[in-house]
Amino acid sequence: MSSCCNDKSCEVEALRARQSATLRRVLAINAVMFVLEFASGLLAGSVSLLADSLDMLGDATVYGFSLYAVAHGARQKAFAALLKGGIMAAFGLAVLAQAIYKMLYPQAPAAAVIGGVGLLALLANGVCLVLLWRHRTDDINMSSVWLCSRNDIVANVSVLGAAFMVWSLDAAWPDIVVGVAIAALFLRSAVFVLRGAATELRLAQA
């Protein structure tokens, strides 16, 4: 009977299968949460919820690219990470633009909707983080995916904080501040992922 303990190619295939199964699960979670958060953000008039929904959409896209990268070599994984970093940067800039719009046309959003949906998003991303934890050091592809999930937790907690502040102050600015903070987190993580991918590309070409 063959065993992966003595067959390195079998070990690699088993790892890829585990990675793919995990990525499919977190992709589905993020796709569902994007639809829910985006609709709720529009309904509540919330920058932070809309920003978090774009985060969910970005993550679903990232996980899709990561599924592609799992079955390919180091060079393809590095290119996928470059693309993911670009997507993260683009969403960060989009959130900044939305926050600027809300600064020009401020209106207090619905705090109850922000809090309820934000809590649900936190629970969903907690599940994703647990699923991805075992793969966080597998390679640059899975490392960047885990980083995205970790950032999601920070963003969700910030959204809940915004909901409380909007409710207690009856003001729009806490929601705007959180939107800007989420954008800054996106852009910082994008730089990290892009640097890591560039390093992997140089090593693959050496």
C-alpha atoms as a PDB file:
ATOM      1  CA  MET A   1       0.000   0.000   0.000  1.00  0.00           C
ATOM      2  CA  SER A   2       1.446   3.401  -0.953  1.00  0.00           C
ATOM      3  CA  SER A   3       1.940   6.008   1.761  1.00  0.00           C
ATOM      4  CA  CYS A   4       2.461   9.773   1.612  1.00  0.00           C
ATOM      5  CA  CYS A   5       5.021   9.362   4.388  1.00  0.00           C
ATOM      6  CA  ASN A   6       7.431   7.926   1.823  1.00  0.00           C
ATOM      7  CA  ASP A   7       6.168   9.642  -1.324  1.00  0.00           C
ATOM      8  CA  LYS A   8       6.931  13.375  -1.570  1.00  0.00           C
ATOM      9  CA  SER A   9       4.790  13.850  -4.674  1.00  0.00           C
ATOM     10  CA  CYS A  10       1.886  12.309  -2.798  1.00  0.00           C
ATOM     11  CA  GLU A  11       2.486  14.715   0.094  1.00  0.00           C
ATOM     12  CA  VAL A  12       2.410  17.694  -2.272  1.00  0.00           C
ATOM     13  CA  GLU A  13      -0.823  16.543  -3.905  1.00  0.00           C
ATOM     14  CA  ALA A  14      -2.416  15.959  -0.506  1.00  0.00           C
ATOM     15  CA  LEU A  15      -1.422  19.470   0.599  1.00  0.00           C
ATOM     16  CA  ARG A  16      -2.850  20.991  -2.596  1.00  0.00           C
ATOM     17  CA  ALA A  17      -6.106  19.112  -2.081  1.00  0.00           C
ATOM     18  CA  ARG A  18      -6.405  20.420   1.489  1.00  0.00           C
ATOM     19  CA  GLN A  19      -5.614  23.962   0.381  1.00  0.00           C
ATOM     20  CA  SER A  20      -8.166  23.840  -2.435  1.00  0.00           C
ATOM     21  CA  ALA A  21     -10.917  22.521  -0.154  1.00  0.00           C
ATOM     22  CA  THR A  22     -10.242  25.278   2.393  1.00  0.00           C
ATOM     23  CA  LEU A  23     -10.179  27.995  -0.268  1.00  0.00           C
ATOM     24  CA  ARG A  24     -13.509  26.851  -1.710  1.00  0.00           C
ATOM     25  CA  ARG A  25     -15.129  27.097   1.716  1.00  0.00           C
ATOM     26  CA  VAL A  26     -13.833  30.576   2.509  1.00  0.00           C
ATOM     27  CA  LEU A  27     -14.648  31.760  -1.023  1.00  0.00           C
ATOM     28  CA  ALA A  28     -18.287  30.708  -0.564  1.00  0.00           C
ATOM     29  CA  ILE A  29     -18.502  32.404   2.842  1.00  0.00           C
ATOM     30  CA  ASN A  30     -17.083  35.669   1.491  1.00  0.00           C
ATOM     31  CA  ALA A  31     -19.299  35.673  -1.606  1.00  0.00           C
ATOM     32  CA  VAL A  32     -22.458  35.306   0.502  1.00  0.00           C
ATOM     33  CA  MET A  33     -21.320  37.959   2.983  1.00  0.00           C
ATOM     34  CA  PHE A  34     -20.488  40.395   0.175  1.00  0.00           C
ATOM     35  CA  VAL A  35     -24.072  40.306  -1.090  1.00  0.00           C
ATOM     36  CA  LEU A  36     -25.486  40.692   2.423  1.00  0.00           C
ATOM     37  CA  GLU A  37     -23.145  43.484   3.506  1.00  0.00           C
ATOM     38  CA  PHE A  38     -23.386  45.434   0.259  1.00  0.00           C
ATOM     39  CA  ALA A  39     -27.187  45.424   0.351  1.00  0.00           C
ATOM     40  CA  SER A  40     -27.181  46.316   4.053  1.00  0.00           C
ATOM     41  CA  GLY A  41     -24.633  49.078   3.511  1.00  0.00           C
ATOM     42  CA  LEU A  42     -26.798  50.665   0.847  1.00  0.00           C
ATOM     43  CA  LEU A  43     -29.867  50.338   3.057  1.00  0.00           C
ATOM     44  CA  ALA A  44     -28.135  51.810   6.113  1.00  0.00           C
ATOM     45  CA  GLY A  45     -26.151  54.450   4.215  1.00  0.00           C
ATOM     46  CA  SER A  46     -22.975  53.164   5.864  1.00  0.00           C
ATOM     47  CA  VAL A  47     -19.447  53.733   4.514  1.00  0.00           C
ATOM     48  CA  SER A  48     -17.993  51.150   6.886  1.00  0.00           C
ATOM     49  CA  LEU A  49     -20.425  48.405   5.824  1.00  0.00           C
ATOM     50  CA  LEU A  50     -19.937  49.161   2.140  1.00  0.00           C
ATOM     51  CA  ALA A  51     -16.181  49.146   2.688  1.00  0.00           C
ATOM     52  CA  ASP A  52     -16.390  45.819   4.473  1.00  0.00           C
ATOM     53  CA  SER A  53     -18.582  44.409   1.697  1.00  0.00           C
ATOM     54  CA  LEU A  54     -15.970  45.399  -0.873  1.00  0.00           C
ATOM     55  CA  ASP A  55     -13.450  43.656   1.355  1.00  0.00           C
ATOM     56  CA  MET A  56     -15.573  40.508   1.148  1.00  0.00           C
ATOM     57  CA  LEU A  57     -15.776  40.798  -2.636  1.00  0.00           C
ATOM     58  CA  GLY A  58     -12.042  41.384  -2.841  1.00  0.00           C
ATOM     59  CA  ASP A  59     -11.395  38.342  -0.664  1.00  0.00           C
ATOM     60  CA  ALA A  60     -13.679  36.153  -2.780  1.00  0.00           C
ATOM     61  CA  THR A  61     -11.712  37.259  -5.849  1.00  0.00           C
ATOM     62  CA  VAL A  62      -8.437  36.670  -4.021  1.00  0.00           C
ATOM     63  CA  TYR A  63      -9.483  33.154  -3.008  1.00  0.00           C
ATOM     64  CA  GLY A  64     -10.467  32.417  -6.598  1.00  0.00           C
ATOM     65  CA  PHE A  65      -7.001  33.388  -7.812  1.00  0.00           C
ATOM     66  CA  SER A  66      -5.472  31.421  -4.968  1.00  0.00           C
ATOM     67  CA  LEU A  67      -7.342  28.294  -6.061  1.00  0.00           C
ATOM     68  CA  TYR A  68      -5.670  28.724  -9.439  1.00  0.00           C
ATOM     69  CA  ALA A  69      -2.266  29.199  -7.832  1.00  0.00           C
ATOM     70  CA  VAL A  70      -2.540  26.083  -5.638  1.00  0.00           C
ATOM     71  CA  ALA A  71      -2.205  23.811  -8.686  1.00  0.00           C
ATOM     72  CA  HIS A  72       0.753  25.718 -10.166  1.00  0.00           C
ATOM     73  CA  GLY A  73       4.405  26.371  -9.422  1.00  0.00           C
ATOM     74  CA  ALA A  74       6.217  29.094  -7.485  1.00  0.00           C
ATOM     75  CA  ARG A  75       6.283  31.519 -10.431  1.00  0.00           C
ATOM     76  CA  GLN A  76       2.523  31.298 -11.007  1.00  0.00           C
ATOM     77  CA  LYS A  77       1.903  31.631  -7.266  1.00  0.00           C
ATOM     78  CA  ALA A  78       4.006  34.787  -7.179  1.00  0.00           C
ATOM     79  CA  PHE A  79       2.060  36.249 -10.125  1.00  0.00           C
ATOM     80  CA  ALA A  80      -1.212  35.396  -8.347  1.00  0.00           C
ATOM     81  CA  ALA A  81       0.062  37.149  -5.212  1.00  0.00           C
ATOM     82  CA  LEU A  82       0.960  40.204  -7.319  1.00  0.00           C
ATOM     83  CA  LEU A  83      -2.572  40.275  -8.688  1.00  0.00           C
ATOM     84  CA  LYS A  84      -4.025  39.900  -5.195  1.00  0.00           C
ATOM     85  CA  GLY A  85      -1.901  42.782  -3.960  1.00  0.00           C
ATOM     86  CA  GLY A  86      -3.153  44.919  -6.830  1.00  0.00           C
ATOM     87  CA  ILE A  87      -6.771  44.060  -6.005  1.00  0.00           C
ATOM     88  CA  MET A  88      -6.245  44.938  -2.346  1.00  0.00           C
ATOM     89  CA  ALA A  89      -4.742  48.292  -3.328  1.00  0.00           C
ATOM     90  CA  ALA A  90      -7.599  49.039  -5.726  1.00  0.00           C
ATOM     91  CA  PHE A  91     -10.254  48.362  -3.087  1.00  0.00           C
ATOM     92  CA  GLY A  92      -8.364  50.474  -0.584  1.00  0.00           C
ATOM     93  CA  LEU A  93      -8.399  53.431  -2.978  1.00  0.00           C
ATOM     94  CA  ALA A  94     -12.095  52.851  -3.726  1.00  0.00           C
ATOM     95  CA  VAL A  95     -12.951  53.002  -0.032  1.00  0.00           C
ATOM     96  CA  LEU A  96     -10.938  56.210   0.351  1.00  0.00           C
ATOM     97  CA  ALA A  97     -12.903  57.775  -2.504  1.00  0.00           C
ATOM     98  CA  GLN A  98     -16.181  56.742  -0.883  1.00  0.00           C
ATOM     99  CA  ALA A  99     -15.111  58.168   2.468  1.00  0.00           C
ATOM    100  CA  ILE A 100     -14.272  61.496   0.830  1.00  0.00           C
ATOM    101  CA  TYR A 101     -17.741  61.574  -0.727  1.00  0.00           C
ATOM    102  CA  LYS A 102     -19.346  61.018   2.677  1.00  0.00           C
ATOM    103  CA  MET A 103     -17.229  63.812   4.150  1.00  0.00           C
ATOM    104  CA  LEU A 104     -18.661  66.165   1.555  1.00  0.00           C
ATOM    105  CA  TYR A 105     -22.224  64.888   2.023  1.00  0.00           C
ATOM    106  CA  PRO A 106     -22.441  63.625   5.646  1.00  0.00           C
ATOM    107  CA  GLN A 107     -25.500  61.749   6.893  1.00  0.00           C
ATOM    108  CA  ALA A 108     -25.744  59.575  10.001  1.00  0.00           C
ATOM    109  CA  PRO A 109     -26.217  55.917   8.959  1.00  0.00           C
ATOM    110  CA  ALA A 110     -28.456  53.327  10.662  1.00  0.00           C
ATOM    111  CA  ALA A 111     -26.418  52.148  13.648  1.00  0.00           C
ATOM    112  CA  ALA A 112     -28.559  49.058  14.351  1.00  0.00           C
ATOM    113  CA  VAL A 113     -28.034  47.712  10.835  1.00  0.00           C
ATOM    114  CA  ILE A 114     -24.289  48.399  10.985  1.00  0.00           C
ATOM    115  CA  GLY A 115     -23.982  46.604  14.331  1.00  0.00           C
ATOM    116  CA  GLY A 116     -26.079  43.569  13.407  1.00  0.00           C
ATOM    117  CA  VAL A 117     -24.506  42.934  10.020  1.00  0.00           C
ATOM    118  CA  GLY A 118     -21.054  43.803  11.355  1.00  0.00           C
ATOM    119  CA  LEU A 119     -21.392  41.134  14.051  1.00  0.00           C
ATOM    120  CA  LEU A 120     -22.470  38.558  11.475  1.00  0.00           C
ATOM    121  CA  ALA A 121     -19.479  39.489   9.295  1.00  0.00           C
ATOM    122  CA  LEU A 122     -17.153  39.104  12.288  1.00  0.00           C
ATOM    123  CA  LEU A 123     -18.475  35.595  12.944  1.00  0.00           C
ATOM    124  CA  ALA A 124     -18.125  34.656   9.269  1.00  0.00           C
ATOM    125  CA  ASN A 125     -14.549  35.911   9.097  1.00  0.00           C
ATOM    126  CA  GLY A 126     -13.738  34.162  12.354  1.00  0.00           C
ATOM    127  CA  VAL A 127     -14.729  30.883  10.711  1.00  0.00           C
ATOM    128  CA  CYS A 128     -12.542  31.735   7.695  1.00  0.00           C
ATOM    129  CA  LEU A 129      -9.567  32.545   9.931  1.00  0.00           C
ATOM    130  CA  VAL A 130      -9.882  29.212  11.730  1.00  0.00           C
ATOM    131  CA  LEU A 131     -10.088  27.342   8.405  1.00  0.00           C
ATOM    132  CA  LEU A 132      -7.017  29.131   7.029  1.00  0.00           C
ATOM    133  CA  TRP A 133      -4.870  28.983  10.180  1.00  0.00           C
ATOM    134  CA  ARG A 134      -3.228  25.637   9.372  1.00  0.00           C
ATOM    135  CA  HIS A 135      -2.199  26.895   5.923  1.00  0.00           C
ATOM    136  CA  ARG A 136      -0.789  30.298   6.927  1.00  0.00           C
ATOM    137  CA  THR A 137       2.858  29.197   6.474  1.00  0.00           C
ATOM    138  CA  ASP A 138       2.423  26.801   3.529  1.00  0.00           C
ATOM    139  CA  ASP A 139       3.671  29.244   0.844  1.00  0.00           C
ATOM    140  CA  ILE A 140       3.388  32.867  -0.347  1.00  0.00           C
ATOM    141  CA  ASN A 141      -0.021  32.146  -1.851  1.00  0.00           C
ATOM    142  CA  MET A 142      -1.624  30.807   1.333  1.00  0.00           C
ATOM    143  CA  SER A 143       0.264  33.288   3.498  1.00  0.00           C
ATOM    144  CA  SER A 144      -1.267  36.214   1.609  1.00  0.00           C
ATOM    145  CA  VAL A 145      -4.718  34.601   1.859  1.00  0.00           C
ATOM    146  CA  TRP A 146      -4.372  34.221   5.627  1.00  0.00           C
ATOM    147  CA  LEU A 147      -3.213  37.838   5.894  1.00  0.00           C
ATOM    148  CA  CYS A 148      -6.379  38.966   4.107  1.00  0.00           C
ATOM    149  CA  SER A 149      -8.498  36.978   6.563  1.00  0.00           C
ATOM    150  CA  ARG A 150      -6.662  38.402   9.573  1.00  0.00           C
ATOM    151  CA  ASN A 151      -7.222  41.934   8.298  1.00  0.00           C
ATOM    152  CA  ASP A 152     -10.928  41.143   7.939  1.00  0.00           C
ATOM    153  CA  ILE A 153     -11.205  40.513  11.691  1.00  0.00           C
ATOM    154  CA  VAL A 154      -9.647  43.902  12.436  1.00  0.00           C
ATOM    155  CA  ALA A 155     -12.011  45.582   9.959  1.00  0.00           C
ATOM    156  CA  ASN A 156     -15.080  43.851  11.446  1.00  0.00           C
ATOM    157  CA  VAL A 157     -14.231  44.942  14.983  1.00  0.00           C
ATOM    158  CA  SER A 158     -13.773  48.485  13.678  1.00  0.00           C
ATOM    159  CA  VAL A 159     -17.200  48.364  12.026  1.00  0.00           C
ATOM    160  CA  LEU A 160     -18.779  47.337  15.338  1.00  0.00           C
ATOM    161  CA  GLY A 161     -16.992  50.225  17.021  1.00  0.00           C
ATOM    162  CA  ALA A 162     -18.334  52.584  14.369  1.00  0.00           C
ATOM    163  CA  ALA A 163     -21.866  51.293  14.954  1.00  0.00           C
ATOM    164  CA  PHE A 164     -21.612  52.039  18.669  1.00  0.00           C
ATOM    165  CA  MET A 165     -20.182  55.530  18.089  1.00  0.00           C
ATOM    166  CA  VAL A 166     -22.787  56.390  15.445  1.00  0.00           C
ATOM    167  CA  TRP A 167     -25.543  55.254  17.819  1.00  0.00           C
ATOM    168  CA  SER A 168     -24.191  57.112  20.846  1.00  0.00           C
ATOM    169  CA  LEU A 169     -23.299  60.347  19.025  1.00  0.00           C
ATOM    170  CA  ASP A 170     -25.915  60.298  16.247  1.00  0.00           C
ATOM    171  CA  ALA A 171     -23.185  61.418  13.862  1.00  0.00           C
ATOM    172  CA  ALA A 172     -21.724  60.199  10.561  1.00  0.00           C
ATOM    173  CA  TRP A 173     -18.041  60.850  11.269  1.00  0.00           C
ATOM    174  CA  PRO A 174     -17.278  57.574  13.177  1.00  0.00           C
ATOM    175  CA  ASP A 175     -18.492  55.604  10.154  1.00  0.00           C
ATOM    176  CA  ILE A 176     -16.288  57.735   7.877  1.00  0.00           C
ATOM    177  CA  VAL A 177     -13.237  57.350  10.126  1.00  0.00           C
ATOM    178  CA  VAL A 178     -13.598  53.561  10.103  1.00  0.00           C
ATOM    179  CA  GLY A 179     -13.915  53.592   6.314  1.00  0.00           C
ATOM    180  CA  VAL A 180     -10.639  55.513   6.033  1.00  0.00           C
ATOM    181  CA  ALA A 181      -8.948  53.181   8.532  1.00  0.00           C
ATOM    182  CA  ILE A 182     -10.047  50.099   6.577  1.00  0.00           C
ATOM    183  CA  ALA A 183      -8.703  51.666   3.391  1.00  0.00           C
ATOM    184  CA  ALA A 184      -5.360  52.346   5.077  1.00  0.00           C
ATOM    185  CA  LEU A 185      -5.208  48.722   6.266  1.00  0.00           C
ATOM    186  CA  PHE A 186      -5.930  47.499   2.730  1.00  0.00           C
ATOM    187  CA  LEU A 187      -3.177  49.647   1.258  1.00  0.00           C
ATOM    188  CA  ARG A 188      -0.610  48.623   3.892  1.00  0.00           C
ATOM    189  CA  SER A 189      -1.368  44.928   3.363  1.00  0.00           C
ATOM    190  CA  ALA A 190      -1.248  45.412  -0.411  1.00  0.00           C
ATOM    191  CA  VAL A 191       2.282  46.783  -0.134  1.00  0.00           C
ATOM    192  CA  PHE A 192       3.303  43.798   2.026  1.00  0.00           C
ATOM    193  CA  VAL A 193       1.835  41.260  -0.419  1.00  0.00           C
ATOM    194  CA  LEU A 194       3.334  43.005  -3.453  1.00  0.00           C
ATOM    195  CA  ARG A 195       6.789  43.068  -1.865  1.00  0.00           C
ATOM    196  CA  GLY A 196       6.569  39.378  -0.972  1.00  0.00           C
ATOM    197  CA  ALA A 197       5.404  38.465  -4.458  1.00  0.00           C
ATOM    198  CA  ALA A 198       8.203  40.484  -6.065  1.00  0.00           C
ATOM    199  CA  THR A 199      10.744  38.642  -3.900  1.00  0.00           C
ATOM    200  CA  GLU A 200       9.276  35.271  -4.887  1.00  0.00           C
ATOM    201  CA  LEU A 201       9.425  36.228  -8.556  1.00  0.00           C
ATOM    202  CA  ARG A 202      13.083  37.170  -8.287  1.00  0.00           C
ATOM    203  CA  LEU A 203      13.855  33.846  -6.597  1.00  0.00           C
ATOM    204  CA  ALA A 204      11.880  31.912  -9.226  1.00  0.00           C
ATOM    205  CA  GLN A 205      13.798  33.599 -12.030  1.00  0.00           C
ATOM    206  CA  ALA A 206      17.210  33.098 -10.444  1.00  0.00           C
END
